[in-house]
Amino acid sequence: MIPSNGTPSKLRTLRPWLITAAAFAAVALLIMWLSAAPDPAPQARGGRPGPGMGGGPGGAMITVSVAPVVQGDLPVHYHALGTVTASNTVNVRPRVNGQLVKVLFQEGQEVKAGDLLAVVDPRPYQAALAQAEGTLLQNRAQLTNAQTDLQRYKGLYAEDSIAKQTLDTQEALVRQYEGTLRTNQGQVDDAKLNLEFTQIRAPIAGRLGLRQVDVGNLVTSGDTTPLVVITQVKPITVVFSLPQQQLGTVAQQLTGSQPIPVEALDRSQNRTLATGTLMTLDNQIDTTTGTVKLKAKFVNDDQRLFPNQFVNVRLLAETLQSVLTIPANAVQRGNDGTYVFVAGEGDKAQRRLVTLGTAEGERVVVSEGLKAGERVVVEGTDRLRDGSQLRIAGSPDKAPVAANGDKPEGAARSHAGKGDGKAQ
């Protein structure tokens, strides 16, 4: 007996819609499952997988770049920050007091030792010289007269005409005048020297700086402000510091007969400003920094180095003979030490532990683990494993990209196959 509320009639009415919705849900789940499933079509057709499709042994090839292990000489350089210093620096000051009446130099001028730079008013010193010379002449005449009297007294004493005391007194007077004459001569020499100092001359050869005192000013020998500063820039020196760990190598090279080359580089270290040689090193290590100072000498004929200029210094410490070197970016580090990947026979990756030595720039010395001529992987090492199949970048036996930028035919077929699979 059917209930009066009509429920079976409603179920018969909704049944077709429920069946249709369940069918649509099943189809949607099937499409999602097919889209998420991996496409085995390329390998089923024997196609070559791309570089991003695997990385383990027996998997897809991995494209890498390699570099050979090179055997040869490796120059080892030490780098430091240095300060250019003039070989000699002189603050030119007057040595006498007076008014500055002449300035005979141009700022920035190159001068030689002895060149006249300025003149102090010489008239007071000319007068002092004349006075000292007059006193000298006066005392010289007195000495001459005393010496004449002494000769006369000696004759009279021989005839027993005068007392011995009179002769002794005359001899003492002569010695007194001789001492006075020496004093007068010193005063004359001092006056001449002061008169000479009124002409201010360059004590060294070098380049003049800016003028500090103008004509007409009173100058004294005690002035703290110099007239001008002379710096000797040809040759010129560079002072720099190296860690004490590098001192032994440099000291050993410095005792040899060959000079140690030193380069002064610009701020970016891309351009060499000058090339010179190491002169000496300091006699003690700075305990606060653990470094030692060194000084290098540069000819500087082109004056590319300037006093107090900061430069980057590159010193050739030594040259390692016949060593094996590889690019530094080929070195990897793991729990068991440093290692590299070697492209072995059949272009298969071989993980090789290595012992490293001195690093110089972008290359590093390998003391154990490699042989000359072997190829090490420098790019593409992130997905490598021991035994991975390698595809060497740039090798002619690998399928290249077409010159017009299109993909190779095999790759096009592979992608077409994938599209067909999805369409199905």
Protein backbone atom coordinates (compact mmCIF):
# COMPACT_ATOMS: atom_id res chain seq x y z
CA MET A 1 0.00 0.00 0.00
CA ILE A 2 1.47 3.33 -1.14
CA PRO A 3 1.59 6.18 1.40
CA SER A 4 -0.49 9.23 0.65
CA ASN A 5 2.46 11.72 0.82
CA GLY A 6 3.75 10.70 -2.71
CA THR A 7 7.44 9.96 -1.76
CA PRO A 8 7.99 7.12 -4.30
CA SER A 9 6.73 9.39 -7.03
CA LYS A 10 9.36 12.03 -6.14
CA LEU A 11 12.21 9.46 -6.10
CA ARG A 12 11.23 8.29 -9.57
CA THR A 13 11.33 11.86 -10.75
CA LEU A 14 14.91 12.63 -9.29
CA ARG A 15 16.54 9.31 -10.28
CA PRO A 16 17.64 10.36 -13.81
CA TRP A 17 19.26 13.55 -12.47
CA LEU A 18 21.19 11.68 -9.77
CA ILE A 19 22.50 9.16 -12.31
CA THR A 20 23.62 11.98 -14.63
CA ALA A 21 25.45 13.81 -11.78
CA ALA A 22 27.24 10.62 -10.70
CA ALA A 23 28.36 10.02 -14.31
CA PHE A 24 29.77 13.56 -14.59
CA ALA A 25 31.65 13.16 -11.29
CA ALA A 26 33.18 9.88 -12.46
CA VAL A 27 34.32 11.45 -15.74
CA ALA A 28 35.87 14.43 -13.88
CA LEU A 29 37.80 12.13 -11.52
CA LEU A 30 39.08 10.11 -14.51
CA ILE A 31 40.34 13.24 -16.28
CA MET A 32 42.12 14.46 -13.13
CA TRP A 33 43.80 11.09 -12.66
CA LEU A 34 44.96 10.99 -16.29
CA SER A 35 46.38 14.53 -16.05
CA ALA A 36 48.36 13.77 -12.88
CA ALA A 37 49.83 10.48 -14.12
CA PRO A 38 53.44 10.68 -15.57
CA ASP A 39 53.74 10.40 -19.33
CA PRO A 40 55.89 7.38 -20.23
CA ALA A 41 55.49 8.09 -23.94
CA PRO A 42 58.96 9.62 -24.60
CA GLN A 43 60.88 6.68 -23.16
CA ALA A 44 58.40 4.18 -24.68
CA ARG A 45 59.25 5.64 -28.07
CA GLY A 46 63.00 5.58 -27.31
CA GLY A 47 63.29 9.39 -27.13
CA ARG A 48 66.13 11.07 -25.13
CA PRO A 49 64.89 12.77 -21.95
CA GLY A 50 65.77 16.39 -21.35
CA PRO A 51 68.21 17.64 -18.71
CA GLY A 52 65.49 18.37 -16.20
CA MET A 53 63.92 14.89 -16.13
CA GLY A 54 66.18 13.09 -13.67
CA GLY A 55 69.61 13.13 -12.05
CA GLY A 56 70.40 9.77 -10.46
CA PRO A 57 72.37 6.82 -11.79
CA GLY A 58 70.57 5.16 -14.62
CA GLY A 59 68.32 8.23 -15.02
CA ALA A 60 68.32 10.99 -17.64
CA MET A 61 71.45 12.73 -18.87
CA ILE A 62 72.54 15.90 -17.07
CA THR A 63 74.05 18.72 -19.08
CA VAL A 64 77.28 19.99 -17.49
CA SER A 65 80.32 22.10 -18.33
CA VAL A 66 83.78 20.68 -17.77
CA ALA A 67 87.34 22.01 -17.56
CA PRO A 68 90.62 20.12 -17.83
CA VAL A 69 93.10 19.57 -15.01
CA VAL A 70 96.08 21.69 -16.05
CA GLN A 71 99.70 21.10 -15.04
CA GLY A 72 102.05 24.08 -15.10
CA ASP A 73 103.56 26.95 -13.13
CA LEU A 74 101.26 28.97 -10.89
CA PRO A 75 102.27 32.45 -9.70
CA VAL A 76 101.03 33.13 -6.17
CA HIS A 77 100.16 36.72 -5.30
CA TYR A 78 99.47 38.43 -1.99
CA HIS A 79 96.95 41.26 -1.98
CA ALA A 80 96.78 44.25 0.35
CA LEU A 81 95.63 47.84 0.61
CA GLY A 82 98.49 50.32 0.42
CA THR A 83 99.14 54.06 0.82
CA VAL A 84 101.33 55.98 -1.60
CA THR A 85 104.03 57.96 0.22
CA ALA A 86 106.53 60.41 -1.19
CA SER A 87 110.18 59.36 -1.07
CA ASN A 88 110.97 62.67 0.64
CA THR A 89 108.75 65.47 1.92
CA VAL A 90 110.11 68.89 2.94
CA ASN A 91 108.23 71.81 4.49
CA VAL A 92 110.08 74.87 3.18
CA ARG A 93 110.38 77.51 5.91
CA PRO A 94 112.57 80.63 6.14
CA ARG A 95 115.72 80.36 8.21
CA VAL A 96 115.94 84.11 8.92
CA ASN A 97 113.40 86.74 9.95
CA GLY A 98 112.23 89.45 7.63
CA GLN A 99 109.80 90.54 4.98
CA LEU A 100 109.11 88.24 2.04
CA VAL A 101 109.94 90.33 -1.03
CA LYS A 102 109.93 87.74 -3.85
CA VAL A 103 108.21 84.46 -4.67
CA LEU A 104 109.83 82.92 -7.73
CA PHE A 105 107.99 79.60 -8.10
CA GLN A 106 104.74 78.41 -9.63
CA GLU A 107 102.42 76.13 -7.71
CA GLY A 108 102.77 72.53 -8.88
CA GLN A 109 106.14 73.24 -10.48
CA GLU A 110 108.85 70.61 -10.76
CA VAL A 111 112.06 71.94 -9.17
CA LYS A 112 115.60 70.73 -8.75
CA ALA A 113 117.68 70.86 -5.59
CA GLY A 114 119.14 74.35 -5.20
CA ASP A 115 116.54 76.20 -7.29
CA LEU A 116 115.68 79.66 -5.91
CA LEU A 117 112.12 79.73 -4.56
CA ALA A 118 111.74 82.99 -2.63
CA VAL A 119 113.71 85.93 -1.23
CA VAL A 120 113.57 87.59 2.21
CA ASP A 121 114.57 91.27 2.44
CA PRO A 122 118.41 91.04 2.55
CA ARG A 123 119.25 94.64 3.54
CA PRO A 124 119.41 94.17 7.34
CA TYR A 125 121.74 91.22 6.85
CA GLN A 126 123.93 93.09 4.38
CA ALA A 127 124.36 95.82 6.99
CA ALA A 128 125.17 93.27 9.70
CA LEU A 129 127.80 91.72 7.44
CA ALA A 130 129.42 95.09 6.75
CA GLN A 131 129.57 95.84 10.48
CA ALA A 132 131.14 92.47 11.27
CA GLU A 133 133.73 92.91 8.53
CA GLY A 134 134.63 96.40 9.89
CA THR A 135 135.18 95.06 13.38
CA LEU A 136 137.33 92.29 11.92
CA LEU A 137 139.54 94.78 10.11
CA GLN A 138 139.92 96.91 13.25
CA ASN A 139 140.99 94.00 15.44
CA ARG A 140 143.28 92.67 12.74
CA ALA A 141 145.15 96.01 12.73
CA GLN A 142 145.49 95.88 16.52
CA LEU A 143 146.87 92.36 16.28
CA THR A 144 149.42 93.44 13.70
CA ASN A 145 150.58 96.32 15.91
CA ALA A 146 150.84 94.04 18.96
CA GLN A 147 152.87 91.49 17.00
CA THR A 148 155.31 94.26 15.88
CA ASP A 149 155.76 95.43 19.47
CA LEU A 150 156.37 91.83 20.55
CA GLN A 151 159.23 91.47 18.08
CA ARG A 152 160.75 94.74 19.31
CA TYR A 153 160.41 93.66 22.97
CA LYS A 154 162.14 90.39 22.21
CA GLY A 155 165.18 92.30 20.85
CA LEU A 156 165.31 94.61 23.83
CA TYR A 157 165.00 91.70 26.23
CA ALA A 158 167.90 90.00 24.49
CA GLU A 159 170.02 93.16 25.15
CA ASP A 160 168.75 93.08 28.75
CA SER A 161 167.10 96.47 28.23
CA ILE A 162 163.59 95.52 29.51
CA ALA A 163 162.24 93.29 32.20
CA LYS A 164 160.95 89.80 31.50
CA GLN A 165 157.50 90.84 32.75
CA THR A 166 157.13 93.44 30.01
CA LEU A 167 157.87 90.80 27.35
CA ASP A 168 155.39 88.34 28.87
CA THR A 169 152.68 91.02 28.99
CA GLN A 170 153.16 91.78 25.31
CA GLU A 171 152.97 88.09 24.36
CA ALA A 172 149.64 87.79 26.27
CA LEU A 173 148.30 90.86 24.47
CA VAL A 174 149.11 89.30 21.11
CA ARG A 175 147.26 86.07 22.02
CA GLN A 176 144.31 88.15 23.21
CA TYR A 177 144.08 89.94 19.87
CA GLU A 178 144.34 86.61 18.06
CA GLY A 179 141.33 85.28 20.01
CA THR A 180 139.37 88.46 19.31
CA LEU A 181 140.19 88.13 15.64
CA ARG A 182 138.80 84.59 15.54
CA THR A 183 135.61 85.81 17.19
CA ASN A 184 135.31 88.57 14.62
CA GLN A 185 135.86 86.11 11.81
CA GLY A 186 133.04 83.93 13.18
CA GLN A 187 130.73 86.94 13.29
CA VAL A 188 131.55 87.69 9.67
CA ASP A 189 130.85 84.10 8.65
CA ASP A 190 127.55 84.15 10.55
CA ALA A 191 126.51 87.38 8.84
CA LYS A 192 127.37 85.89 5.44
CA LEU A 193 125.35 82.78 6.23
CA ASN A 194 122.32 84.82 7.29
CA LEU A 195 122.59 86.86 4.13
CA GLU A 196 122.68 83.63 2.11
CA PHE A 197 119.60 82.35 3.96
CA THR A 198 117.61 85.32 2.69
CA GLN A 199 117.51 83.38 -0.58
CA ILE A 200 115.21 80.43 0.07
CA ARG A 201 116.23 77.51 -2.14
CA ALA A 202 114.77 74.06 -2.74
CA PRO A 203 116.58 71.53 -0.52
CA ILE A 204 115.48 68.56 -2.67
CA ALA A 205 114.17 67.89 -6.15
CA GLY A 206 110.45 67.33 -6.36
CA ARG A 207 107.03 68.78 -7.02
CA LEU A 208 105.85 71.94 -5.31
CA GLY A 209 102.50 72.17 -3.62
CA LEU A 210 100.32 75.23 -3.05
CA ARG A 211 101.85 78.52 -1.86
CA GLN A 212 101.02 79.18 1.80
CA VAL A 213 102.51 82.68 2.29
CA ASP A 214 102.19 85.68 -0.04
CA VAL A 215 104.70 88.40 -0.87
CA GLY A 216 104.88 91.24 1.68
CA ASN A 217 104.27 89.13 4.77
CA LEU A 218 106.74 89.03 7.63
CA VAL A 219 108.23 85.58 8.04
CA THR A 220 110.33 84.09 10.82
CA SER A 221 112.34 80.94 11.30
CA GLY A 222 109.82 79.80 13.92
CA ASP A 223 106.75 79.92 11.69
CA THR A 224 104.62 76.78 11.82
CA THR A 225 103.14 77.43 8.37
CA PRO A 226 105.63 76.62 5.62
CA LEU A 227 106.02 78.71 2.50
CA VAL A 228 105.44 75.62 0.36
CA VAL A 229 105.76 71.83 0.61
CA ILE A 230 108.03 69.85 -1.71
CA THR A 231 107.30 66.16 -2.30
CA GLN A 232 109.64 63.86 -4.19
CA VAL A 233 107.39 61.77 -6.44
CA LYS A 234 110.00 60.30 -8.79
CA PRO A 235 110.65 57.72 -7.48
CA ILE A 236 107.75 57.16 -5.09
CA THR A 237 106.95 54.46 -2.52
CA VAL A 238 103.89 52.50 -1.39
CA VAL A 239 103.50 51.26 2.20
CA PHE A 240 101.20 48.30 2.85
CA SER A 241 100.68 45.55 5.44
CA LEU A 242 100.53 41.76 5.19
CA PRO A 243 99.46 39.18 7.80
CA GLN A 244 102.28 37.66 9.80
CA GLN A 245 101.44 34.22 8.34
CA GLN A 246 102.71 35.44 4.96
CA LEU A 247 105.88 36.99 6.36
CA GLY A 248 108.03 33.86 6.01
CA THR A 249 107.48 33.50 2.27
CA VAL A 250 108.12 37.19 1.57
CA ALA A 251 111.23 37.32 3.78
CA GLN A 252 112.67 34.29 2.04
CA GLN A 253 112.09 35.81 -1.39
CA LEU A 254 113.52 39.16 -0.25
CA THR A 255 116.87 37.58 0.65
CA GLY A 256 117.21 36.19 -2.87
CA SER A 257 118.98 37.83 -5.77
CA GLN A 258 115.84 38.39 -7.83
CA PRO A 259 113.68 41.48 -7.14
CA ILE A 260 110.12 40.88 -6.00
CA PRO A 261 107.62 42.47 -8.41
CA VAL A 262 104.86 44.60 -6.89
CA GLU A 263 101.89 46.05 -8.76
CA ALA A 264 99.80 49.05 -7.76
CA LEU A 265 96.20 48.63 -8.96
CA ASP A 266 93.29 51.04 -9.07
CA ARG A 267 90.29 50.87 -6.76
CA SER A 268 88.44 48.31 -8.90
CA GLN A 269 91.64 46.21 -9.33
CA ASN A 270 91.06 46.16 -13.08
CA ARG A 271 93.86 48.53 -14.13
CA THR A 272 97.56 48.51 -13.23
CA LEU A 273 98.74 51.99 -12.30
CA ALA A 274 102.42 51.19 -11.87
CA THR A 275 104.84 48.31 -11.47
CA GLY A 276 107.73 48.38 -9.03
CA THR A 277 109.79 46.23 -6.70
CA LEU A 278 109.72 45.45 -2.99
CA MET A 279 112.30 47.49 -1.06
CA THR A 280 112.13 46.26 2.51
CA LEU A 281 109.89 45.20 5.37
CA ASP A 282 109.56 46.55 8.88
CA ASN A 283 111.65 45.14 11.73
CA GLN A 284 108.70 44.20 13.95
CA ILE A 285 105.13 42.93 13.81
CA ASP A 286 102.28 45.14 14.98
CA THR A 287 100.89 43.23 17.95
CA THR A 288 97.49 44.93 17.73
CA THR A 289 96.80 43.76 14.17
CA GLY A 290 99.22 40.86 13.69
CA THR A 291 100.55 42.43 10.51
CA VAL A 292 103.91 43.67 9.27
CA LYS A 293 104.52 46.75 7.13
CA LEU A 294 106.31 46.55 3.78
CA LYS A 295 107.53 49.25 1.41
CA ALA A 296 107.70 49.03 -2.38
CA LYS A 297 109.42 51.45 -4.76
CA PHE A 298 108.02 52.71 -8.07
CA VAL A 299 109.75 54.81 -10.73
CA ASN A 300 106.56 56.82 -11.35
CA ASP A 301 107.83 58.70 -14.41
CA ASP A 302 104.25 59.21 -15.60
CA GLN A 303 103.21 60.37 -12.09
CA ARG A 304 100.18 58.09 -11.98
CA LEU A 305 100.85 57.57 -8.27
CA PHE A 306 100.15 60.51 -5.99
CA PRO A 307 101.20 60.98 -2.35
CA ASN A 308 98.57 59.75 0.17
CA GLN A 309 96.69 57.90 -2.57
CA PHE A 310 95.09 54.56 -1.66
CA VAL A 311 95.91 51.71 -4.03
CA ASN A 312 95.45 47.96 -4.14
CA VAL A 313 98.77 46.15 -3.96
CA ARG A 314 99.50 42.80 -5.60
CA LEU A 315 102.83 41.23 -4.64
CA LEU A 316 104.27 38.20 -6.40
CA ALA A 317 105.18 36.06 -3.40
CA GLU A 318 106.33 32.92 -5.20
CA THR A 319 105.84 30.78 -8.29
CA LEU A 320 104.81 27.16 -7.77
CA GLN A 321 106.53 24.95 -10.32
CA SER A 322 104.67 22.24 -12.29
CA VAL A 323 101.54 21.91 -10.14
CA LEU A 324 98.07 20.63 -10.99
CA THR A 325 95.34 23.27 -10.94
CA ILE A 326 91.58 23.28 -11.50
CA PRO A 327 88.93 26.02 -11.48
CA ALA A 328 87.89 26.89 -7.95
CA ASN A 329 84.18 26.52 -8.77
CA ALA A 330 84.69 22.81 -9.47
CA VAL A 331 85.41 22.12 -5.79
CA GLN A 332 82.55 20.80 -3.65
CA ARG A 333 82.51 20.23 0.09
CA GLY A 334 80.85 17.43 1.97
CA ASN A 335 80.94 15.60 5.28
CA ASP A 336 83.92 13.52 4.14
CA GLY A 337 85.91 16.51 2.86
CA THR A 338 86.42 18.30 -0.43
CA TYR A 339 85.60 16.53 -3.66
CA VAL A 340 85.03 17.09 -7.37
CA PHE A 341 83.04 15.35 -10.07
CA VAL A 342 85.17 13.94 -12.86
CA ALA A 343 83.81 13.19 -16.33
CA GLY A 344 85.05 9.63 -16.68
CA GLU A 345 84.77 7.01 -19.39
CA GLY A 346 81.47 7.04 -21.23
CA ASP A 347 80.84 10.56 -19.84
CA LYS A 348 79.80 9.19 -16.47
CA ALA A 349 80.27 11.25 -13.32
CA GLN A 350 82.85 10.04 -10.82
CA ARG A 351 82.90 11.57 -7.35
CA ARG A 352 86.54 12.04 -6.39
CA LEU A 353 87.94 13.19 -3.04
CA VAL A 354 90.78 15.70 -3.51
CA THR A 355 93.40 17.43 -1.38
CA LEU A 356 93.69 21.14 -2.11
CA GLY A 357 96.67 23.44 -1.88
CA THR A 358 97.20 27.13 -2.57
CA ALA A 359 94.39 29.09 -4.21
CA GLU A 360 95.23 31.87 -6.66
CA GLY A 361 92.43 33.87 -8.22
CA GLU A 362 89.95 31.49 -9.87
CA ARG A 363 92.25 28.47 -9.75
CA VAL A 364 93.29 26.16 -6.92
CA VAL A 365 96.14 23.69 -6.59
CA VAL A 366 95.25 19.99 -6.26
CA SER A 367 97.95 17.98 -4.53
CA GLU A 368 96.12 14.61 -4.46
CA GLY A 369 93.17 12.99 -6.20
CA LEU A 370 93.49 14.10 -9.83
CA LYS A 371 95.75 13.66 -12.83
CA ALA A 372 96.69 16.04 -15.60
CA GLY A 373 94.25 15.99 -18.50
CA GLU A 374 91.24 14.74 -16.55
CA ARG A 375 88.03 16.73 -16.86
CA VAL A 376 86.26 18.13 -13.83
CA VAL A 377 82.68 19.42 -13.79
CA VAL A 378 82.48 23.17 -13.20
CA GLU A 379 78.79 23.80 -13.90
CA GLY A 380 75.75 21.62 -13.29
CA THR A 381 77.01 19.85 -10.16
CA ASP A 382 73.88 20.48 -8.07
CA ARG A 383 72.03 17.37 -9.33
CA LEU A 384 75.01 15.09 -9.93
CA ARG A 385 75.50 11.74 -8.25
CA ASP A 386 78.29 9.22 -8.57
CA GLY A 387 77.63 7.40 -11.86
CA SER A 388 75.28 9.99 -13.37
CA GLN A 389 75.25 10.07 -17.16
CA LEU A 390 76.68 13.37 -18.37
CA ARG A 391 75.98 15.43 -21.43
CA ILE A 392 79.01 17.70 -21.97
CA ALA A 393 77.91 21.17 -23.02
CA GLY A 394 79.27 22.08 -26.43
CA SER A 395 80.12 18.52 -27.44
CA PRO A 396 79.50 17.97 -31.19
CA ASP A 397 78.05 14.48 -30.70
CA LYS A 398 75.04 15.75 -28.80
CA ALA A 399 71.82 16.92 -30.48
CA PRO A 400 72.23 20.70 -30.81
CA VAL A 401 69.59 23.35 -30.94
CA ALA A 402 68.82 24.39 -34.50
CA ALA A 403 70.49 27.54 -35.76
CA ASN A 404 67.11 29.26 -36.21
CA GLY A 405 66.22 28.65 -32.57
CA ASP A 406 63.71 25.83 -33.26
CA LYS A 407 63.81 22.65 -31.22
CA PRO A 408 65.33 19.46 -32.69
CA GLU A 409 63.03 17.13 -34.56
CA GLY A 410 63.12 14.47 -31.87
CA ALA A 411 62.10 16.97 -29.23
CA ALA A 412 59.25 18.19 -31.42
CA ARG A 413 58.01 14.64 -31.81
CA SER A 414 58.27 14.10 -28.07
CA HIS A 415 56.18 17.15 -27.30
CA ALA A 416 53.72 16.18 -30.01
CA GLY A 417 53.39 12.75 -28.42
CA LYS A 418 52.64 14.31 -25.08
CA GLY A 419 49.98 16.45 -26.60
CA ASP A 420 48.39 13.45 -28.29
CA GLY A 421 48.42 11.49 -25.06
CA LYS A 422 46.67 14.28 -23.20
CA ALA A 423 44.15 14.69 -25.98
CA GLN A 424 43.31 11.04 -25.81
